Amino acid sequence: MKKNTVVLGTQWGDEGKGKIVDLLTDNADAVVRFQGGHNAGHTLIINGQKTVLHLVPSGILREGVACYIGNGVVVEPEALITEIKELEKAGVNVRSRLRISTAAPIIMPYHILLDQLREKAKGGNAIGTTGRGIGPAYEDKVARRGIRFGDLLDAKLLHEKLTETLEYHNFVIENYFKHEPLNFDKIYQQALSFGEQLKEMNADVTAELHEMQQQGKSVLLEGAQGSLLDIDHGTYPFVTSSNTTAGAASTGTGLGVTDISYVLGITKAYTTRVGSGPFPTELFDDDGKMLAKNGVEFGATTGRPRRCGWLDLVALKRAVQMNGVTGICVTKLDVLDTFSEIKVCTAYEVDGKHQQNFPDSADSWEKIKPVYETLSGWKSITKGITEFNDLPKQAITLIDKIADYTDTPVHIISTGPDRDENIIIKNPLLG
């Protein structure tokens, strides 16, 4: 029986979701992005060739697979058009296979400007956003003044909505931030142009996904960022502006929760984070530098260096619980090949007491010290291994530790960046 599977990150993003979606798409009929925007960066390496996707679903590199951008995704049209053209230049057929939800919110120029002005005004207290307008676009959506993809295809409606919305934002831009207001005509004409270029991909994504359901086809639902960046359940306020957990797969596509039969949680064999916010296991020593070097830890979207640290099992367990994770995929195992000792955080120390609870307030994070368990490293090459029993026994011990602590089986292990460098214990789409 074919299955509908959610693939999401269980840390602060950058877990390697794009590669795993691409891997699993070999057995899927469609891939749909359900939240986030072009602040995501999903890197795929196929036969040594690197492709970074920001809005287009990671299934686009598999011929014959339908790709959808759901209503939960905020779309910056210029970024999407640029990405489509780059893929087409590389010989990928995009326009006949990509569909964009009519209800997807559009990131407008004033969203980007506001995002950057706010971060600049916060100075040292900045959240660390990518400055791409994601947050302000979601704000407009919730405030019910957002421009949606379908609006770009109706000149009169777009004019009416943009008039009201731009007046509101220009007031803030001019009077609060003391910045020059944006020009209505320029934004309006640009938006119409984007709509004209993208109109052939306009679709009722929810209806098409349910039609696929009726035909017995399987869908991969691709998340962006990571669970610990969820606007409700993450390390607030140092979070993204969307729900990054499994529940968003339903609200961001229109599929029912009972249509989803498996949730695959992606986790690195260590932990990274980009931007500001708490990070209990962050390393500032040679081990941290080695993780960054071995893992080539630079953001696919921003190019910013990622903060690196040991695997935080306390945080991982919370992510597993709140997503209802069925199975775990451990990525970048080979990054640990050079370490003689490997640490995992199994508890937090707060005011001298050990706890295994994930903090629920920002103040609590400041008091946390990680409690580590030290495991033996393997000091041998795991890169490219495709059979579980071929792993060093120390690596198997680490995998078992992850499964035991989270009470969740590890079903996939990535042993390198390329499409074929994996150990597949269980394929979610094949049972």
Protein backbone atom coordinates (compact mmCIF):
# COMPACT_ATOMS: atom_id res chain seq x y z
CA MET A 1 0.00 0.00 0.00
CA LYS A 2 1.31 3.42 -0.90
CA LYS A 3 1.63 5.91 1.94
CA ASN A 4 1.52 9.67 2.46
CA THR A 5 4.60 10.67 4.42
CA VAL A 6 5.59 13.89 6.18
CA VAL A 7 9.32 14.65 6.11
CA LEU A 8 10.39 17.31 8.59
CA GLY A 9 13.34 18.47 10.65
CA THR A 10 13.57 17.71 14.35
CA GLN A 11 16.21 20.31 15.23
CA TRP A 12 16.75 23.96 14.25
CA GLY A 13 16.73 23.25 10.52
CA ASP A 14 19.53 22.26 8.14
CA GLU A 15 19.07 18.57 8.96
CA GLY A 16 19.30 17.39 5.35
CA LYS A 17 15.59 17.15 4.50
CA GLY A 18 16.04 17.94 0.81
CA LYS A 19 18.29 14.96 0.18
CA ILE A 20 15.92 12.58 1.96
CA VAL A 21 12.84 13.92 0.15
CA ASP A 22 14.66 13.42 -3.14
CA LEU A 23 15.62 9.88 -2.07
CA LEU A 24 12.07 8.90 -1.12
CA THR A 25 10.51 10.57 -4.16
CA ASP A 26 11.65 7.57 -6.18
CA ASN A 27 8.58 5.84 -4.71
CA ALA A 28 6.21 8.82 -4.55
CA ASP A 29 3.78 10.31 -7.03
CA ALA A 30 3.95 13.88 -5.73
CA VAL A 31 5.85 16.18 -3.38
CA VAL A 32 4.26 19.19 -1.70
CA ARG A 33 5.85 21.99 0.34
CA PHE A 34 3.49 22.90 3.15
CA GLN A 35 5.04 25.88 5.02
CA GLY A 36 7.88 28.37 5.11
CA GLY A 37 9.21 30.36 2.21
CA HIS A 38 12.44 30.98 0.34
CA ASN A 39 14.25 31.22 3.67
CA ALA A 40 14.51 27.44 3.31
CA GLY A 41 17.50 25.94 1.56
CA HIS A 42 17.28 22.27 0.62
CA THR A 43 20.52 20.96 -0.84
CA LEU A 44 20.59 17.95 -3.17
CA ILE A 45 23.77 16.35 -4.49
CA ILE A 46 23.26 13.92 -7.35
CA ASN A 47 26.26 12.35 -9.04
CA GLY A 48 28.38 15.04 -7.48
CA GLN A 49 26.25 17.91 -8.87
CA LYS A 50 24.87 20.29 -6.25
CA THR A 51 21.39 21.83 -6.48
CA VAL A 52 19.93 24.15 -3.83
CA LEU A 53 16.14 24.55 -3.79
CA HIS A 54 14.37 27.30 -1.84
CA LEU A 55 10.71 27.16 -2.94
CA VAL A 56 10.43 24.40 -5.53
CA PRO A 57 9.80 21.03 -3.83
CA SER A 58 12.77 18.66 -3.67
CA GLY A 59 11.00 16.11 -5.84
CA ILE A 60 11.51 18.25 -8.95
CA LEU A 61 14.71 16.38 -9.88
CA ARG A 62 12.76 13.12 -10.31
CA GLU A 63 11.06 12.99 -13.71
CA GLY A 64 7.36 12.34 -13.70
CA VAL A 65 6.81 13.43 -10.09
CA ALA A 66 4.19 16.17 -9.57
CA CYS A 67 5.32 19.07 -7.37
CA TYR A 68 3.08 21.39 -5.38
CA ILE A 69 3.50 24.58 -3.37
CA GLY A 70 0.75 24.47 -0.77
CA ASN A 71 -1.31 27.26 0.76
CA GLY A 72 0.89 27.27 3.87
CA VAL A 73 3.92 28.50 1.93
CA VAL A 74 4.63 32.22 1.53
CA VAL A 75 5.82 32.80 -2.04
CA GLU A 76 8.18 35.52 -3.23
CA PRO A 77 7.39 35.53 -6.97
CA GLU A 78 10.69 36.91 -8.21
CA ALA A 79 12.66 34.32 -6.22
CA LEU A 80 10.42 31.54 -7.52
CA ILE A 81 10.76 32.67 -11.15
CA THR A 82 14.54 32.86 -10.78
CA GLU A 83 14.64 29.36 -9.30
CA ILE A 84 12.45 27.97 -12.08
CA LYS A 85 14.66 29.50 -14.76
CA GLU A 86 17.82 28.11 -13.16
CA LEU A 87 16.30 24.62 -13.07
CA GLU A 88 15.13 24.90 -16.67
CA LYS A 89 18.60 26.04 -17.70
CA ALA A 90 19.89 22.82 -16.15
CA GLY A 91 17.43 20.82 -18.25
CA VAL A 92 14.76 20.22 -15.60
CA ASN A 93 11.14 20.33 -16.76
CA VAL A 94 9.46 22.54 -14.16
CA ARG A 95 6.43 24.41 -15.51
CA SER A 96 4.48 21.33 -16.61
CA ARG A 97 4.99 19.67 -13.22
CA LEU A 98 4.79 22.49 -10.66
CA ARG A 99 1.49 23.74 -9.25
CA ILE A 100 1.06 26.69 -6.90
CA SER A 101 -1.88 27.06 -4.55
CA THR A 102 -4.23 29.92 -5.37
CA ALA A 103 -4.34 30.60 -1.63
CA ALA A 104 -0.57 30.84 -1.09
CA PRO A 105 0.33 34.23 0.47
CA ILE A 106 2.62 36.44 -1.60
CA ILE A 107 5.71 38.13 -0.18
CA MET A 108 5.60 41.72 -1.40
CA PRO A 109 8.41 44.32 -1.50
CA TYR A 110 7.10 46.03 1.64
CA HIS A 111 7.40 42.76 3.56
CA ILE A 112 11.07 42.50 2.69
CA LEU A 113 11.75 46.13 3.56
CA LEU A 114 9.91 45.88 6.89
CA ASP A 115 11.78 42.69 7.78
CA GLN A 116 15.14 44.36 7.22
CA LEU A 117 14.18 47.62 8.94
CA ARG A 118 12.99 45.77 12.04
CA GLU A 119 16.14 43.67 12.35
CA LYS A 120 18.29 46.77 11.97
CA ALA A 121 16.30 48.61 14.63
CA LYS A 122 16.71 45.74 17.11
CA GLY A 123 20.48 45.85 16.86
CA GLY A 124 22.02 43.37 19.29
CA ASN A 125 18.60 41.93 20.12
CA ALA A 126 17.86 40.90 16.52
CA ILE A 127 16.12 37.56 16.00
CA GLY A 128 18.47 36.58 13.19
CA THR A 129 15.94 36.34 10.36
CA THR A 130 17.03 35.97 6.75
CA GLY A 131 15.52 39.40 6.01
CA ARG A 132 13.43 38.00 3.17
CA GLY A 133 10.00 39.16 4.30
CA ILE A 134 8.78 35.83 5.64
CA GLY A 135 7.55 37.09 9.02
CA PRO A 136 5.75 40.22 7.77
CA ALA A 137 4.04 38.16 5.04
CA TYR A 138 2.68 35.71 7.62
CA GLU A 139 1.57 38.69 9.75
CA ASP A 140 -0.48 40.04 6.86
CA LYS A 141 -1.99 36.60 6.35
CA VAL A 142 -3.15 36.40 9.95
CA ALA A 143 -4.36 40.02 9.86
CA ARG A 144 -6.44 39.12 6.76
CA ARG A 145 -4.89 41.80 4.59
CA GLY A 146 -2.47 39.57 2.69
CA ILE A 147 -2.13 39.36 -1.09
CA ARG A 148 -2.55 35.77 -2.28
CA PHE A 149 -1.33 34.11 -5.45
CA GLY A 150 -4.78 34.11 -7.01
CA ASP A 151 -4.96 37.89 -6.53
CA LEU A 152 -2.06 38.39 -8.92
CA LEU A 153 -4.28 37.04 -11.70
CA ASP A 154 -7.09 39.59 -11.14
CA ALA A 155 -5.97 43.15 -11.91
CA LYS A 156 -9.00 44.87 -10.35
CA LEU A 157 -8.94 42.82 -7.14
CA LEU A 158 -5.20 43.22 -6.80
CA HIS A 159 -5.52 47.01 -7.20
CA GLU A 160 -8.14 47.19 -4.46
CA LYS A 161 -6.27 45.02 -1.98
CA LEU A 162 -2.87 46.56 -2.65
CA THR A 163 -4.21 50.09 -2.25
CA GLU A 164 -5.41 49.38 1.27
CA THR A 165 -2.45 47.25 2.34
CA LEU A 166 0.31 49.48 0.99
CA GLU A 167 -1.27 52.54 2.60
CA TYR A 168 -1.10 50.76 5.94
CA HIS A 169 2.51 49.62 5.55
CA ASN A 170 3.77 52.88 4.06
CA PHE A 171 2.47 54.68 7.14
CA VAL A 172 4.66 52.50 9.33
CA ILE A 173 7.64 52.65 6.96
CA GLU A 174 7.52 56.46 6.72
CA ASN A 175 6.44 57.49 10.24
CA TYR A 176 7.97 54.84 12.46
CA PHE A 177 11.11 53.82 10.59
CA LYS A 178 11.61 57.24 8.93
CA HIS A 179 12.18 55.56 5.58
CA GLU A 180 11.03 56.63 2.13
CA PRO A 181 7.59 55.13 1.30
CA LEU A 182 7.23 52.59 -1.49
CA ASN A 183 5.68 53.45 -4.84
CA PHE A 184 2.26 51.93 -5.51
CA ASP A 185 2.40 51.82 -9.31
CA LYS A 186 5.79 50.13 -9.37
CA ILE A 187 4.69 47.40 -6.97
CA TYR A 188 1.33 46.95 -8.71
CA GLN A 189 2.78 46.57 -12.21
CA GLN A 190 5.50 44.26 -10.96
CA ALA A 191 2.93 42.05 -9.21
CA LEU A 192 0.81 41.83 -12.37
CA SER A 193 3.92 40.86 -14.34
CA PHE A 194 4.73 38.10 -11.86
CA GLY A 195 1.18 36.82 -12.08
CA GLU A 196 1.40 36.69 -15.87
CA GLN A 197 4.64 34.71 -15.73
CA LEU A 198 3.32 32.20 -13.20
CA LYS A 199 -0.36 31.91 -14.12
CA GLU A 200 -0.03 28.58 -15.94
CA MET A 201 0.96 26.96 -12.63
CA ASN A 202 -2.02 28.28 -10.67
CA ALA A 203 -4.08 25.47 -9.12
CA ASP A 204 -6.47 24.35 -6.42
CA VAL A 205 -3.77 22.26 -4.77
CA THR A 206 -6.06 20.83 -2.11
CA ALA A 207 -8.47 19.50 -4.73
CA GLU A 208 -5.66 17.97 -6.78
CA LEU A 209 -4.13 16.28 -3.74
CA HIS A 210 -7.47 14.73 -2.78
CA GLU A 211 -7.94 13.53 -6.35
CA MET A 212 -4.59 11.80 -6.05
CA GLN A 213 -5.81 10.26 -2.80
CA GLN A 214 -8.80 8.80 -4.56
CA GLN A 215 -6.52 7.32 -7.20
CA GLY A 216 -4.44 5.59 -4.54
CA LYS A 217 -1.34 7.68 -5.20
CA SER A 218 1.22 8.63 -2.55
CA VAL A 219 2.36 12.09 -1.54
CA LEU A 220 5.46 13.30 0.26
CA LEU A 221 4.84 16.39 2.37
CA GLU A 222 8.04 18.40 2.66
CA GLY A 223 8.64 20.63 5.66
CA ALA A 224 11.08 23.53 5.87
CA GLN A 225 13.22 24.78 8.77
CA GLY A 226 12.98 22.53 11.87
CA SER A 227 10.62 21.67 14.71
CA LEU A 228 12.56 23.69 17.30
CA LEU A 229 11.89 26.79 15.17
CA ASP A 230 8.10 26.31 15.30
CA ILE A 231 6.30 29.56 16.11
CA ASP A 232 4.32 27.84 18.90
CA HIS A 233 6.57 25.02 20.10
CA GLY A 234 10.06 26.26 19.35
CA THR A 235 12.58 28.36 21.29
CA TYR A 236 10.37 31.45 21.21
CA PRO A 237 10.98 34.26 20.30
CA PHE A 238 13.99 32.91 18.38
CA VAL A 239 11.81 31.00 15.95
CA THR A 240 10.51 31.22 12.42
CA SER A 241 7.09 32.67 11.58
CA SER A 242 5.31 29.47 10.59
CA ASN A 243 4.37 26.16 12.18
CA THR A 244 7.13 23.75 11.27
CA THR A 245 5.66 20.71 12.98
CA ALA A 246 3.60 17.87 11.54
CA GLY A 247 0.24 19.53 12.15
CA ALA A 248 1.14 22.16 9.57
CA ALA A 249 1.30 19.47 6.89
CA SER A 250 -2.48 19.29 7.09
CA THR A 251 -3.28 23.00 7.43
CA GLY A 252 -0.70 23.92 4.79
CA THR A 253 -2.10 21.60 2.12
CA GLY A 254 -5.72 20.82 2.91
CA LEU A 255 -5.06 17.10 3.38
CA GLY A 256 -6.76 15.65 6.44
CA VAL A 257 -4.66 14.49 9.38
CA THR A 258 -5.94 10.96 8.82
CA ASP A 259 -4.55 11.05 5.29
CA ILE A 260 -1.04 11.07 6.77
CA SER A 261 0.22 7.65 7.75
CA TYR A 262 3.90 8.22 8.54
CA VAL A 263 6.07 11.04 9.90
CA LEU A 264 9.81 10.86 9.22
CA GLY A 265 11.88 13.01 11.56
CA ILE A 266 15.26 14.09 10.18
CA THR A 267 18.08 14.69 12.67
CA LYS A 268 21.78 15.25 12.29
CA ALA A 269 24.12 13.05 14.29
CA TYR A 270 25.09 16.31 15.99
CA THR A 271 23.30 19.67 16.27
CA THR A 272 23.55 22.99 14.44
CA ARG A 273 21.79 26.31 14.52
CA VAL A 274 21.89 29.47 12.39
CA GLY A 275 21.22 32.88 13.88
CA SER A 276 20.37 33.87 17.43
CA GLY A 277 18.67 31.82 20.13
CA PRO A 278 19.41 29.24 22.82
CA PHE A 279 21.64 26.30 22.00
CA PRO A 280 22.62 24.30 25.14
CA THR A 281 25.12 21.97 23.46
CA GLU A 282 26.90 24.61 21.37
CA LEU A 283 30.66 24.12 21.24
CA PHE A 284 33.30 26.85 21.13
CA ASP A 285 36.32 24.53 21.17
CA ASP A 286 38.25 22.44 18.65
CA ASP A 287 35.43 19.85 18.55
CA GLY A 288 33.01 22.54 17.43
CA LYS A 289 35.43 23.70 14.76
CA MET A 290 35.90 20.12 13.58
CA LEU A 291 32.13 19.57 13.27
CA ALA A 292 31.83 22.77 11.23
CA LYS A 293 34.75 21.81 8.99
CA ASN A 294 33.75 18.17 8.43
CA GLY A 295 30.08 19.04 7.96
CA VAL A 296 30.70 22.11 5.75
CA GLU A 297 28.32 23.98 7.99
CA PHE A 298 27.26 27.06 6.10
CA GLY A 299 23.61 28.00 5.49
CA ALA A 300 22.33 26.99 2.04
CA THR A 301 20.17 30.11 1.92
CA THR A 302 22.22 32.76 3.73
CA GLY A 303 25.77 31.43 3.54
CA ARG A 304 26.08 32.20 7.25
CA PRO A 305 28.27 29.82 9.30
CA ARG A 306 26.20 27.49 11.44
CA ARG A 307 26.75 27.17 15.17
CA CYS A 308 27.72 23.58 15.97
CA GLY A 309 27.37 21.33 19.01
CA TRP A 310 26.83 17.78 20.22
CA LEU A 311 23.55 15.94 19.66
CA ASP A 312 20.84 17.13 22.08
CA LEU A 313 18.67 14.11 22.83
CA VAL A 314 16.42 16.04 25.23
CA ALA A 315 15.42 18.44 22.47
CA LEU A 316 15.17 15.61 19.95
CA LYS A 317 12.79 13.65 22.17
CA ARG A 318 10.50 16.69 22.49
CA ALA A 319 10.49 17.09 18.70
CA VAL A 320 9.67 13.39 18.26
CA GLN A 321 6.78 13.68 20.71
CA MET A 322 5.16 16.82 19.32
CA ASN A 323 5.38 15.57 15.74
CA GLY A 324 4.24 12.02 16.41
CA VAL A 325 7.38 10.84 14.61
CA THR A 326 7.05 7.31 13.27
CA GLY A 327 10.70 6.81 12.36
CA ILE A 328 13.93 8.77 12.52
CA CYS A 329 16.45 9.47 9.77
CA VAL A 330 19.95 10.22 11.08
CA THR A 331 21.99 12.34 8.67
CA LYS A 332 25.66 13.30 8.46
CA LEU A 333 26.84 10.28 10.44
CA ASP A 334 30.10 10.40 8.47
CA VAL A 335 30.90 13.87 9.89
CA LEU A 336 31.74 12.12 13.18
CA ASP A 337 34.26 9.74 11.58
CA THR A 338 37.30 11.63 12.88
CA PHE A 339 36.27 11.86 16.54
CA SER A 340 37.76 9.55 19.18
CA GLU A 341 34.96 10.50 21.60
CA ILE A 342 31.40 11.57 20.85
CA LYS A 343 29.06 13.19 23.34
CA VAL A 344 25.27 13.24 23.52
CA CYS A 345 23.22 15.42 25.84
CA THR A 346 20.89 13.21 27.91
CA ALA A 347 19.65 15.79 30.46
CA TYR A 348 19.75 19.45 31.37
CA GLU A 349 21.15 20.81 34.63
CA VAL A 350 19.11 23.67 36.04
CA ASP A 351 20.06 25.18 39.39
CA GLY A 352 22.11 22.09 40.20
CA LYS A 353 19.31 19.65 39.42
CA HIS A 354 19.05 17.30 36.44
CA GLN A 355 15.91 17.32 34.30
CA GLN A 356 14.86 15.80 31.02
CA ASN A 357 12.12 18.33 30.29
CA PHE A 358 12.27 20.80 27.43
CA PRO A 359 11.98 24.39 28.79
CA ASP A 360 8.74 26.25 28.15
CA SER A 361 10.02 29.78 28.69
CA ALA A 362 12.84 31.89 27.33
CA ASP A 363 14.18 32.64 30.82
CA SER A 364 14.69 28.94 31.55
CA TRP A 365 17.14 28.54 28.67
CA GLU A 366 19.62 30.92 30.26
CA LYS A 367 20.06 28.61 33.26
CA ILE A 368 20.55 25.37 31.33
CA LYS A 369 23.78 23.39 31.29
CA PRO A 370 23.94 20.19 29.21
CA VAL A 371 24.56 16.87 30.92
CA TYR A 372 26.56 14.62 28.60
CA GLU A 373 27.07 10.92 28.13
CA THR A 374 30.33 10.13 26.38
CA LEU A 375 30.46 7.43 23.72
CA SER A 376 33.47 5.97 21.97
CA GLY A 377 34.15 7.21 18.47
CA TRP A 378 34.98 4.86 15.63
CA LYS A 379 37.85 6.64 13.89
CA SER A 380 37.07 4.96 10.58
CA ILE A 381 35.24 5.82 7.38
CA THR A 382 31.46 5.43 7.30
CA LYS A 383 30.98 7.60 4.20
CA GLY A 384 29.14 5.71 1.49
CA ILE A 385 28.22 2.67 3.61
CA THR A 386 24.84 1.28 2.52
CA GLU A 387 24.42 -1.73 4.84
CA PHE A 388 23.68 -1.32 8.55
CA ASN A 389 25.83 -4.26 9.62
CA ASP A 390 28.83 -2.72 7.85
CA LEU A 391 28.85 0.21 10.28
CA PRO A 392 31.46 0.23 13.05
CA LYS A 393 30.02 -1.10 16.31
CA GLN A 394 30.56 2.31 17.95
CA ALA A 395 28.40 3.95 15.29
CA ILE A 396 25.70 1.35 15.85
CA THR A 397 25.88 2.16 19.58
CA LEU A 398 25.14 5.81 18.77
CA ILE A 399 22.20 4.86 16.55
CA ASP A 400 20.83 2.56 19.24
CA LYS A 401 21.19 5.33 21.82
CA ILE A 402 19.11 7.69 19.70
CA ALA A 403 16.39 5.07 19.20
CA ASP A 404 16.30 4.04 22.87
CA TYR A 405 16.24 7.58 24.27
CA THR A 406 13.48 8.77 21.95
CA ASP A 407 11.62 5.44 21.98
CA THR A 408 11.50 5.69 18.19
CA PRO A 409 13.20 3.46 15.60
CA VAL A 410 15.88 4.76 13.26
CA HIS A 411 14.74 3.80 9.76
CA ILE A 412 17.23 5.65 7.55
CA ILE A 413 20.88 6.66 8.01
CA SER A 414 22.59 9.06 5.63
CA THR A 415 26.29 8.33 5.26
CA GLY A 416 27.20 11.07 2.80
CA PRO A 417 25.76 13.95 0.79
CA ASP A 418 25.08 12.07 -2.44
CA ARG A 419 21.68 10.60 -3.32
CA ASP A 420 22.95 6.99 -3.06
CA GLU A 421 24.88 7.28 0.22
CA ASN A 422 22.27 5.87 2.59
CA ILE A 423 21.36 2.92 4.75
CA ILE A 424 17.65 2.23 4.34
CA ILE A 425 16.37 0.01 7.12
CA LYS A 426 12.74 0.79 6.28
CA ASN A 427 11.37 2.89 3.43
CA PRO A 428 8.27 4.80 4.69
CA LEU A 429 6.59 4.56 1.29
CA LEU A 430 7.14 0.86 0.85
CA GLY A 431 6.29 -0.39 4.32
